PDB file of N, CA and C in Angstrom:
ATOM      1  N   MET A   1       2.452 -16.550 -10.297  1.00  0.00           N
ATOM      2  CA  MET A   1       1.524 -15.295 -10.210  1.00  0.00           C
ATOM      3  C   MET A   1       2.081 -14.155  -9.653  1.00  0.00           C
ATOM      4  N   VAL A   2       2.049 -13.250 -10.046  1.00  0.00           N
ATOM      5  CA  VAL A   2       2.860 -11.958  -9.546  1.00  0.00           C
ATOM      6  C   VAL A   2       1.888 -11.423  -8.523  1.00  0.00           C
ATOM      7  N   MET A   3       2.470 -11.133  -7.380  1.00  0.00           N
ATOM      8  CA  MET A   3       1.943 -10.310  -6.297  1.00  0.00           C
ATOM      9  C   MET A   3       2.472  -9.066  -5.761  1.00  0.00           C
ATOM     10  N   HIS A   4       1.746  -8.421  -5.162  1.00  0.00           N
ATOM     11  CA  HIS A   4       2.248  -6.884  -4.740  1.00  0.00           C
ATOM     12  C   HIS A   4       1.976  -6.936  -3.185  1.00  0.00           C
ATOM     13  N   VAL A   5       3.038  -6.228  -2.638  1.00  0.00           N
ATOM     14  CA  VAL A   5       2.813  -5.927  -0.976  1.00  0.00           C
ATOM     15  C   VAL A   5       2.738  -4.352  -1.143  1.00  0.00           C
ATOM     16  N   TYR A   6       1.868  -3.528  -0.614  1.00  0.00           N
ATOM     17  CA  TYR A   6       1.787  -2.091  -0.859  1.00  0.00           C
ATOM     18  C   TYR A   6       1.525  -1.393   0.460  1.00  0.00           C
ATOM     19  N   ILE A   7       1.910  -0.089   0.442  1.00  0.00           N
ATOM     20  CA  ILE A   7       1.627   0.851   1.538  1.00  0.00           C
ATOM     21  C   ILE A   7       0.730   1.914   0.893  1.00  0.00           C
ATOM     22  N   LEU A   8      -0.421   2.065   1.683  1.00  0.00           N
ATOM     23  CA  LEU A   8      -1.347   3.348   1.268  1.00  0.00           C
ATOM     24  C   LEU A   8      -1.007   4.295   2.414  1.00  0.00           C
ATOM     25  N   THR A   9      -1.477   5.457   2.134  1.00  0.00           N
ATOM     26  CA  THR A   9      -1.546   6.661   3.154  1.00  0.00           C
ATOM     27  C   THR A   9      -2.700   7.559   2.592  1.00  0.00           C
ATOM     28  N   ASN A  10      -3.028   8.534   3.702  1.00  0.00           N
ATOM     29  CA  ASN A  10      -4.001   9.600   3.440  1.00  0.00           C
ATOM     30  C   ASN A  10      -3.450  10.486   3.106  1.00  0.00           C
ATOM     31  N   ALA A  11      -4.173  11.849   2.764  1.00  0.00           N
ATOM     32  CA  ALA A  11      -3.482  13.216   2.412  1.00  0.00           C
ATOM     33  C   ALA A  11      -2.699  13.727   3.409  1.00  0.00           C
ATOM     34  N   SER A  12      -3.053  13.630   4.726  1.00  0.00           N
ATOM     35  CA  SER A  12      -2.214  14.237   5.709  1.00  0.00           C
ATOM     36  C   SER A  12      -1.116  13.238   6.473  1.00  0.00           C
ATOM     37  N   LYS A  13      -0.947  11.919   5.671  1.00  0.00           N
ATOM     38  CA  LYS A  13      -0.003  11.105   6.063  1.00  0.00           C
ATOM     39  C   LYS A  13       0.011  10.558   7.397  1.00  0.00           C
ATOM     40  N   SER A  14      -1.269  10.665   7.956  1.00  0.00           N
ATOM     41  CA  SER A  14      -1.329  10.181   9.435  1.00  0.00           C
ATOM     42  C   SER A  14      -1.990   8.792   9.525  1.00  0.00           C
ATOM     43  N   SER A  15      -2.255   8.115   8.687  1.00  0.00           N
ATOM     44  CA  SER A  15      -2.549   6.850   8.602  1.00  0.00           C
ATOM     45  C   SER A  15      -1.883   5.820   7.676  1.00  0.00           C
ATOM     46  N   LEU A  16      -1.330   4.732   7.930  1.00  0.00           N
ATOM     47  CA  LEU A  16      -0.656   3.822   7.108  1.00  0.00           C
ATOM     48  C   LEU A  16      -1.291   2.517   7.078  1.00  0.00           C
ATOM     49  N   TYR A  17      -1.628   1.849   5.646  1.00  0.00           N
ATOM     50  CA  TYR A  17      -2.249   0.921   5.574  1.00  0.00           C
ATOM     51  C   TYR A  17      -1.308  -0.163   4.602  1.00  0.00           C
ATOM     52  N   VAL A  18      -1.073  -1.541   5.174  1.00  0.00           N
ATOM     53  CA  VAL A  18      -0.302  -2.518   4.462  1.00  0.00           C
ATOM     54  C   VAL A  18      -0.990  -3.444   4.051  1.00  0.00           C
ATOM     55  N   GLY A  19      -0.954  -3.917   2.661  1.00  0.00           N
ATOM     56  CA  GLY A  19      -1.768  -5.071   2.237  1.00  0.00           C
ATOM     57  C   GLY A  19      -1.117  -5.656   1.076  1.00  0.00           C
ATOM     58  N   VAL A  20      -1.644  -6.619   0.628  1.00  0.00           N
ATOM     59  CA  VAL A  20      -1.065  -7.616  -0.484  1.00  0.00           C
ATOM     60  C   VAL A  20      -2.259  -7.859  -1.402  1.00  0.00           C
ATOM     61  N   THR A  21      -1.905  -8.058  -2.748  1.00  0.00           N
ATOM     62  CA  THR A  21      -2.929  -8.430  -3.771  1.00  0.00           C
ATOM     63  C   THR A  21      -1.975  -8.995  -4.964  1.00  0.00           C
ATOM     64  N   SER A  22      -2.969  -9.573  -5.984  1.00  0.00           N
ATOM     65  CA  SER A  22      -2.573 -10.021  -7.227  1.00  0.00           C
ATOM     66  C   SER A  22      -2.714  -9.005  -8.312  1.00  0.00           C
ATOM     67  N   ASN A  23      -3.532  -8.092  -7.825  1.00  0.00           N
ATOM     68  CA  ASN A  23      -3.975  -6.910  -9.063  1.00  0.00           C
ATOM     69  C   ASN A  23      -3.681  -5.506  -8.273  1.00  0.00           C
ATOM     70  N   LEU A  24      -2.644  -4.980  -8.484  1.00  0.00           N
ATOM     71  CA  LEU A  24      -2.339  -3.617  -7.417  1.00  0.00           C
ATOM     72  C   LEU A  24      -3.278  -2.652  -8.005  1.00  0.00           C
ATOM     73  N   VAL A  25      -3.366  -2.446  -9.480  1.00  0.00           N
ATOM     74  CA  VAL A  25      -3.970  -1.273 -10.002  1.00  0.00           C
ATOM     75  C   VAL A  25      -5.606  -1.394  -9.683  1.00  0.00           C
ATOM     76  N   GLN A  26      -6.067  -2.513  -9.703  1.00  0.00           N
ATOM     77  CA  GLN A  26      -7.585  -2.834  -9.254  1.00  0.00           C
ATOM     78  C   GLN A  26      -7.812  -2.731  -7.765  1.00  0.00           C
ATOM     79  N   ARG A  27      -6.611  -3.091  -6.941  1.00  0.00           N
ATOM     80  CA  ARG A  27      -6.912  -2.849  -5.462  1.00  0.00           C
ATOM     81  C   ARG A  27      -6.890  -1.596  -5.185  1.00  0.00           C
ATOM     82  N   VAL A  28      -5.899  -0.801  -5.648  1.00  0.00           N
ATOM     83  CA  VAL A  28      -5.774   0.700  -5.254  1.00  0.00           C
ATOM     84  C   VAL A  28      -6.921   1.421  -5.801  1.00  0.00           C
ATOM     85  N   TRP A  29      -7.440   1.165  -6.768  1.00  0.00           N
ATOM     86  CA  TRP A  29      -8.630   1.843  -7.438  1.00  0.00           C
ATOM     87  C   TRP A  29      -9.806   1.557  -6.492  1.00  0.00           C
ATOM     88  N   LYS A  30      -9.946   0.234  -5.771  1.00  0.00           N
ATOM     89  CA  LYS A  30     -10.892   0.050  -5.053  1.00  0.00           C
ATOM     90  C   LYS A  30     -10.681   0.827  -3.905  1.00  0.00           C
ATOM     91  N   HIS A  31      -9.611   1.113  -3.173  1.00  0.00           N
ATOM     92  CA  HIS A  31      -9.251   2.005  -2.032  1.00  0.00           C
ATOM     93  C   HIS A  31      -9.647   3.373  -2.483  1.00  0.00           C
ATOM     94  N   LYS A  32      -9.219   3.854  -3.620  1.00  0.00           N
ATOM     95  CA  LYS A  32      -9.667   5.281  -3.928  1.00  0.00           C
ATOM     96  C   LYS A  32     -11.201   5.504  -3.959  1.00  0.00           C
ATOM     97  N   THR A  33     -11.777   4.532  -4.460  1.00  0.00           N
ATOM     98  CA  THR A  33     -13.260   4.796  -4.853  1.00  0.00           C
ATOM     99  C   THR A  33     -14.048   4.527  -3.609  1.00  0.00           C
ATOM    100  N   GLU A  34     -13.420   3.781  -2.441  1.00  0.00           N
ATOM    101  CA  GLU A  34     -14.060   3.655  -1.297  1.00  0.00           C
ATOM    102  C   GLU A  34     -14.860   2.365  -1.344  1.00  0.00           C
ATOM    103  N   PHE A  35     -14.307   1.673  -2.310  1.00  0.00           N
ATOM    104  CA  PHE A  35     -15.340   0.281  -2.602  1.00  0.00           C
ATOM    105  C   PHE A  35     -15.645  -0.308  -1.273  1.00  0.00           C
ATOM    106  N   TYR A  36     -14.622  -0.572  -0.401  1.00  0.00           N
ATOM    107  CA  TYR A  36     -14.642  -1.248   0.781  1.00  0.00           C
ATOM    108  C   TYR A  36     -15.449  -0.313   1.789  1.00  0.00           C
ATOM    109  N   ASP A  37     -16.670  -0.035   1.572  1.00  0.00           N
ATOM    110  CA  ASP A  37     -17.439   0.988   2.382  1.00  0.00           C
ATOM    111  C   ASP A  37     -17.359   0.390   4.122  1.00  0.00           C
ATOM    112  N   GLY A  38     -16.809   1.345   4.884  1.00  0.00           N
ATOM    113  CA  GLY A  38     -16.907   0.948   6.239  1.00  0.00           C
ATOM    114  C   GLY A  38     -15.842   0.543   6.611  1.00  0.00           C
ATOM    115  N   SER A  39     -14.746   0.285   5.823  1.00  0.00           N
ATOM    116  CA  SER A  39     -13.413  -0.300   6.138  1.00  0.00           C
ATOM    117  C   SER A  39     -12.490   0.746   6.957  1.00  0.00           C
ATOM    118  N   TYR A  40     -11.396   0.329   7.179  1.00  0.00           N
ATOM    119  CA  TYR A  40     -10.565   1.314   7.854  1.00  0.00           C
ATOM    120  C   TYR A  40     -10.000   2.105   6.933  1.00  0.00           C
ATOM    121  N   THR A  41      -9.654   1.871   5.473  1.00  0.00           N
ATOM    122  CA  THR A  41      -9.150   2.478   4.300  1.00  0.00           C
ATOM    123  C   THR A  41     -10.128   3.683   4.168  1.00  0.00           C
ATOM    124  N   SER A  42     -11.518   3.214   4.153  1.00  0.00           N
ATOM    125  CA  SER A  42     -12.497   4.303   3.651  1.00  0.00           C
ATOM    126  C   SER A  42     -12.841   5.092   4.770  1.00  0.00           C
ATOM    127  N   LYS A  43     -12.970   4.847   6.177  1.00  0.00           N
ATOM    128  CA  LYS A  43     -13.044   5.603   7.214  1.00  0.00           C
ATOM    129  C   LYS A  43     -11.976   6.880   7.343  1.00  0.00           C
ATOM    130  N   TYR A  44     -10.750   6.287   7.060  1.00  0.00           N
ATOM    131  CA  TYR A  44      -9.714   7.557   7.119  1.00  0.00           C
ATOM    132  C   TYR A  44      -9.343   7.896   5.879  1.00  0.00           C
ATOM    133  N   HIS A  45      -9.899   7.595   4.517  1.00  0.00           N
ATOM    134  CA  HIS A  45      -9.503   8.137   3.423  1.00  0.00           C
ATOM    135  C   HIS A  45      -8.094   7.867   2.973  1.00  0.00           C
ATOM    136  N   VAL A  46      -7.763   6.595   3.391  1.00  0.00           N
ATOM    137  CA  VAL A  46      -6.378   5.991   2.982  1.00  0.00           C
ATOM    138  C   VAL A  46      -6.448   5.337   1.452  1.00  0.00           C
ATOM    139  N   ASN A  47      -5.915   6.390   0.551  1.00  0.00           N
ATOM    140  CA  ASN A  47      -6.060   5.806  -0.695  1.00  0.00           C
ATOM    141  C   ASN A  47      -4.818   6.327  -1.643  1.00  0.00           C
ATOM    142  N   ARG A  48      -3.873   6.525  -1.193  1.00  0.00           N
ATOM    143  CA  ARG A  48      -2.668   7.175  -1.719  1.00  0.00           C
ATOM    144  C   ARG A  48      -1.599   5.959  -1.693  1.00  0.00           C
ATOM    145  N   LEU A  49      -1.235   5.423  -2.913  1.00  0.00           N
ATOM    146  CA  LEU A  49      -0.111   4.623  -3.082  1.00  0.00           C
ATOM    147  C   LEU A  49       1.110   4.912  -2.828  1.00  0.00           C
ATOM    148  N   VAL A  50       1.797   4.768  -1.863  1.00  0.00           N
ATOM    149  CA  VAL A  50       3.403   5.287  -1.570  1.00  0.00           C
ATOM    150  C   VAL A  50       4.303   4.344  -1.481  1.00  0.00           C
ATOM    151  N   TYR A  51       3.971   3.034  -1.589  1.00  0.00           N
ATOM    152  CA  TYR A  51       5.071   2.084  -1.654  1.00  0.00           C
ATOM    153  C   TYR A  51       4.576   0.772  -2.291  1.00  0.00           C
ATOM    154  N   TYR A  52       5.383   0.070  -2.903  1.00  0.00           N
ATOM    155  CA  TYR A  52       4.898  -1.201  -3.082  1.00  0.00           C
ATOM    156  C   TYR A  52       6.299  -2.269  -3.388  1.00  0.00           C
ATOM    157  N   GLU A  53       6.062  -3.479  -3.471  1.00  0.00           N
ATOM    158  CA  GLU A  53       6.987  -4.591  -3.551  1.00  0.00           C
ATOM    159  C   GLU A  53       6.413  -5.462  -4.481  1.00  0.00           C
ATOM    160  N   THR A  54       7.117  -6.048  -5.592  1.00  0.00           N
ATOM    161  CA  THR A  54       6.750  -6.977  -6.528  1.00  0.00           C
ATOM    162  C   THR A  54       7.226  -8.487  -6.096  1.00  0.00           C
ATOM    163  N   TYR A  55       6.449  -9.470  -6.193  1.00  0.00           N
ATOM    164  CA  TYR A  55       6.869 -10.950  -5.694  1.00  0.00           C
ATOM    165  C   TYR A  55       6.428 -11.958  -6.826  1.00  0.00           C
ATOM    166  N   GLU A  56       7.098 -12.782  -7.079  1.00  0.00           N
ATOM    167  CA  GLU A  56       6.723 -13.805  -8.101  1.00  0.00           C
ATOM    168  C   GLU A  56       6.160 -14.984  -7.336  1.00  0.00           C
ATOM    169  N   ASN A  57       6.405 -15.209  -5.932  1.00  0.00           N
ATOM    170  CA  ASN A  57       5.907 -16.329  -5.099  1.00  0.00           C
ATOM    171  C   ASN A  57       5.044 -15.689  -4.045  1.00  0.00           C
ATOM    172  N   PRO A  58       3.558 -16.048  -4.277  1.00  0.00           N
ATOM    173  CA  PRO A  58       2.640 -15.634  -3.251  1.00  0.00           C
ATOM    174  C   PRO A  58       2.824 -15.932  -1.788  1.00  0.00           C
ATOM    175  N   GLU A  59       3.592 -16.907  -1.325  1.00  0.00           N
ATOM    176  CA  GLU A  59       3.871 -17.119  -0.116  1.00  0.00           C
ATOM    177  C   GLU A  59       4.829 -16.172   0.430  1.00  0.00           C
ATOM    178  N   ALA A  60       5.975 -15.772  -0.483  1.00  0.00           N
ATOM    179  CA  ALA A  60       6.670 -14.753   0.041  1.00  0.00           C
ATOM    180  C   ALA A  60       5.931 -13.485   0.254  1.00  0.00           C
ATOM    181  N   ALA A  61       5.216 -13.103  -0.634  1.00  0.00           N
ATOM    182  CA  ALA A  61       4.420 -11.764  -0.681  1.00  0.00           C
ATOM    183  C   ALA A  61       3.689 -11.585   0.791  1.00  0.00           C
ATOM    184  N   ILE A  62       2.971 -12.909   1.140  1.00  0.00           N
ATOM    185  CA  ILE A  62       2.119 -13.029   2.212  1.00  0.00           C
ATOM    186  C   ILE A  62       2.998 -12.701   3.479  1.00  0.00           C
ATOM    187  N   MET A  63       4.147 -13.428   3.569  1.00  0.00           N
ATOM    188  CA  MET A  63       5.090 -13.261   4.602  1.00  0.00           C
ATOM    189  C   MET A  63       5.603 -11.896   4.738  1.00  0.00           C
ATOM    190  N   ARG A  64       5.918 -11.259   3.438  1.00  0.00           N
ATOM    191  CA  ARG A  64       6.453  -9.926   3.618  1.00  0.00           C
ATOM    192  C   ARG A  64       5.358  -8.952   4.241  1.00  0.00           C
ATOM    193  N   GLU A  65       4.098  -9.105   3.627  1.00  0.00           N
ATOM    194  CA  GLU A  65       2.796  -8.276   4.450  1.00  0.00           C
ATOM    195  C   GLU A  65       3.047  -8.443   5.700  1.00  0.00           C
ATOM    196  N   LYS A  66       2.853  -9.700   6.205  1.00  0.00           N
ATOM    197  CA  LYS A  66       2.989  -9.790   7.618  1.00  0.00           C
ATOM    198  C   LYS A  66       4.114  -9.067   8.420  1.00  0.00           C
ATOM    199  N   GLN A  67       5.136  -9.201   8.052  1.00  0.00           N
ATOM    200  CA  GLN A  67       6.463  -8.489   8.460  1.00  0.00           C
ATOM    201  C   GLN A  67       6.256  -7.094   8.402  1.00  0.00           C
ATOM    202  N   LEU A  68       5.916  -6.575   7.342  1.00  0.00           N
ATOM    203  CA  LEU A  68       5.482  -4.914   7.288  1.00  0.00           C
ATOM    204  C   LEU A  68       4.586  -4.652   8.505  1.00  0.00           C
ATOM    205  N   LYS A  69       3.368  -5.345   8.499  1.00  0.00           N
ATOM    206  CA  LYS A  69       2.529  -5.008   9.481  1.00  0.00           C
ATOM    207  C   LYS A  69       3.068  -5.070  10.907  1.00  0.00           C
ATOM    208  N   LEU A  70       4.019  -5.771  11.449  1.00  0.00           N
ATOM    209  CA  LEU A  70       4.742  -5.737  12.398  1.00  0.00           C
ATOM    210  C   LEU A  70       5.517  -4.617  12.679  1.00  0.00           C
ATOM    211  N   PHE A  71       6.004  -3.931  11.643  1.00  0.00           N
ATOM    212  CA  PHE A  71       7.016  -2.781  11.657  1.00  0.00           C
ATOM    213  C   PHE A  71       6.393  -1.804  12.689  1.00  0.00           C
ATOM    214  N   ARG A  72       7.107  -1.087  13.237  1.00  0.00           N
ATOM    215  CA  ARG A  72       6.734   0.373  14.005  1.00  0.00           C
ATOM    216  C   ARG A  72       6.448   1.264  12.886  1.00  0.00           C
ATOM    217  N   ARG A  73       5.686   2.324  13.378  1.00  0.00           N
ATOM    218  CA  ARG A  73       5.425   3.392  12.331  1.00  0.00           C
ATOM    219  C   ARG A  73       6.572   3.984  11.635  1.00  0.00           C
ATOM    220  N   GLN A  74       7.622   4.357  12.489  1.00  0.00           N
ATOM    221  CA  GLN A  74       8.746   4.892  12.107  1.00  0.00           C
ATOM    222  C   GLN A  74       9.433   4.016  11.174  1.00  0.00           C
ATOM    223  N   LYS A  75       9.632   2.840  11.319  1.00  0.00           N
ATOM    224  CA  LYS A  75      10.239   1.930  10.320  1.00  0.00           C
ATOM    225  C   LYS A  75       9.489   1.873   9.134  1.00  0.00           C
ATOM    226  N   LYS A  76       8.177   1.867   8.920  1.00  0.00           N
ATOM    227  CA  LYS A  76       7.533   2.043   7.574  1.00  0.00           C
ATOM    228  C   LYS A  76       7.780   3.505   7.071  1.00  0.00           C
ATOM    229  N   ILE A  77       7.628   4.506   7.691  1.00  0.00           N
ATOM    230  CA  ILE A  77       7.849   5.878   7.171  1.00  0.00           C
ATOM    231  C   ILE A  77       9.240   5.800   6.419  1.00  0.00           C
ATOM    232  N   ASP A  78      10.376   5.192   7.267  1.00  0.00           N
ATOM    233  CA  ASP A  78      11.711   5.109   6.635  1.00  0.00           C
ATOM    234  C   ASP A  78      11.856   4.444   5.359  1.00  0.00           C
ATOM    235  N   LEU A  79      10.971   3.149   5.180  1.00  0.00           N
ATOM    236  CA  LEU A  79      10.972   2.410   4.064  1.00  0.00           C
ATOM    237  C   LEU A  79      10.508   3.146   2.912  1.00  0.00           C
ATOM    238  N   ILE A  80       9.154   3.866   3.182  1.00  0.00           N
ATOM    239  CA  ILE A  80       8.428   4.524   2.175  1.00  0.00           C
ATOM    240  C   ILE A  80       9.523   5.636   1.700  1.00  0.00           C
ATOM    241  N   THR A  81      10.110   6.441   2.740  1.00  0.00           N
ATOM    242  CA  THR A  81      11.052   7.536   2.460  1.00  0.00           C
ATOM    243  C   THR A  81      12.114   7.186   1.264  1.00  0.00           C
ATOM    244  N   LYS A  82      12.631   5.979   1.840  1.00  0.00           N
ATOM    245  CA  LYS A  82      13.845   5.628   0.914  1.00  0.00           C
ATOM    246  C   LYS A  82      13.159   5.054  -0.493  1.00  0.00           C
ATOM    247  N   PHE A  83      12.307   4.735  -0.500  1.00  0.00           N
ATOM    248  CA  PHE A  83      11.565   4.093  -1.978  1.00  0.00           C
ATOM    249  C   PHE A  83      11.055   5.177  -2.602  1.00  0.00           C
ATOM    250  N   ASN A  84      10.221   6.286  -1.812  1.00  0.00           N
ATOM    251  CA  ASN A  84       9.731   7.179  -2.598  1.00  0.00           C
ATOM    252  C   ASN A  84       9.561   8.677  -1.475  1.00  0.00           C
ATOM    253  N   PRO A  85      10.578   9.360  -1.873  1.00  0.00           N
ATOM    254  CA  PRO A  85      11.304  10.291  -1.013  1.00  0.00           C
ATOM    255  C   PRO A  85      10.271  11.573  -0.805  1.00  0.00           C
ATOM    256  N   THR A  86       9.285  11.802  -1.842  1.00  0.00           N
ATOM    257  CA  THR A  86       8.397  12.856  -1.956  1.00  0.00           C
ATOM    258  C   THR A  86       6.920  12.231  -1.568  1.00  0.00           C
ATOM    259  N   TRP A  87       6.854  11.185  -1.354  1.00  0.00           N
ATOM    260  CA  TRP A  87       5.611  10.279  -0.926  1.00  0.00           C
ATOM    261  C   TRP A  87       4.479  10.665  -1.850  1.00  0.00           C
ATOM    262  N   ILE A  88       4.814  10.781  -3.310  1.00  0.00           N
ATOM    263  CA  ILE A  88       3.949  11.054  -4.320  1.00  0.00           C
ATOM    264  C   ILE A  88       3.096   9.790  -4.365  1.00  0.00           C
ATOM    265  N   ASP A  89       1.749   9.987  -4.813  1.00  0.00           N
ATOM    266  CA  ASP A  89       0.875   8.848  -5.198  1.00  0.00           C
ATOM    267  C   ASP A  89       1.374   8.174  -6.442  1.00  0.00           C
ATOM    268  N   LEU A  90       1.765   7.018  -6.392  1.00  0.00           N
ATOM    269  CA  LEU A  90       2.315   6.060  -7.345  1.00  0.00           C
ATOM    270  C   LEU A  90       1.131   5.236  -8.117  1.00  0.00           C
ATOM    271  N   TYR A  91      -0.056   5.737  -7.910  1.00  0.00           N
ATOM    272  CA  TYR A  91      -1.120   4.923  -8.558  1.00  0.00           C
ATOM    273  C   TYR A  91      -1.239   5.224 -10.077  1.00  0.00           C
ATOM    274  N   GLU A  92      -0.772   6.595 -10.511  1.00  0.00           N
ATOM    275  CA  GLU A  92      -0.914   6.755 -11.962  1.00  0.00           C
ATOM    276  C   GLU A  92       0.282   6.105 -12.800  1.00  0.00           C
ATOM    277  N   ASP A  93       1.336   5.758 -12.001  1.00  0.00           N
ATOM    278  CA  ASP A  93       2.471   5.239 -12.665  1.00  0.00           C
ATOM    279  C   ASP A  93       2.356   3.804 -12.745  1.00  0.00           C
ATOM    280  N   THR A  94       1.508   3.247 -11.876  1.00  0.00           N
ATOM    281  CA  THR A  94       1.084   1.803 -11.856  1.00  0.00           C
ATOM    282  C   THR A  94       0.151   1.441 -12.981  1.00  0.00           C
ATOM    283  N   CYS A  95      -0.721   2.527 -13.372  1.00  0.00           N
ATOM    284  CA  CYS A  95      -1.600   2.024 -14.401  1.00  0.00           C
ATOM    285  C   CYS A  95      -1.064   1.931 -15.824  1.00  0.00           C
ATOM    286  N   LYS A  96       0.213   2.513 -16.055  1.00  0.00           N
ATOM    287  CA  LYS A  96       0.869   2.669 -17.301  1.00  0.00           C
ATOM    288  C   LYS A  96       1.316   1.314 -17.870  1.00  0.00           C
TER     289      LYS A  96
END
């Protein structure tokens, strides 16, 4: 099973959210539509996909998610910037 670890942000880049999923397109769409009403992502409009990694092993993906969640903010910013220098929303690319 393919798994994705991902980072979302909001328009002002003031909030970062790390998650893991087996269906990246569907999960990001749910964040974009605020499907998770009352959640952190809907409260702060965190719905722009700026980073993701793909794993064949679900346990490895979950371990990586936990690792990224422990990263300090600056380390997450550095990771995103190296992967996606302009912080564009990668959602449209993942839908292709």
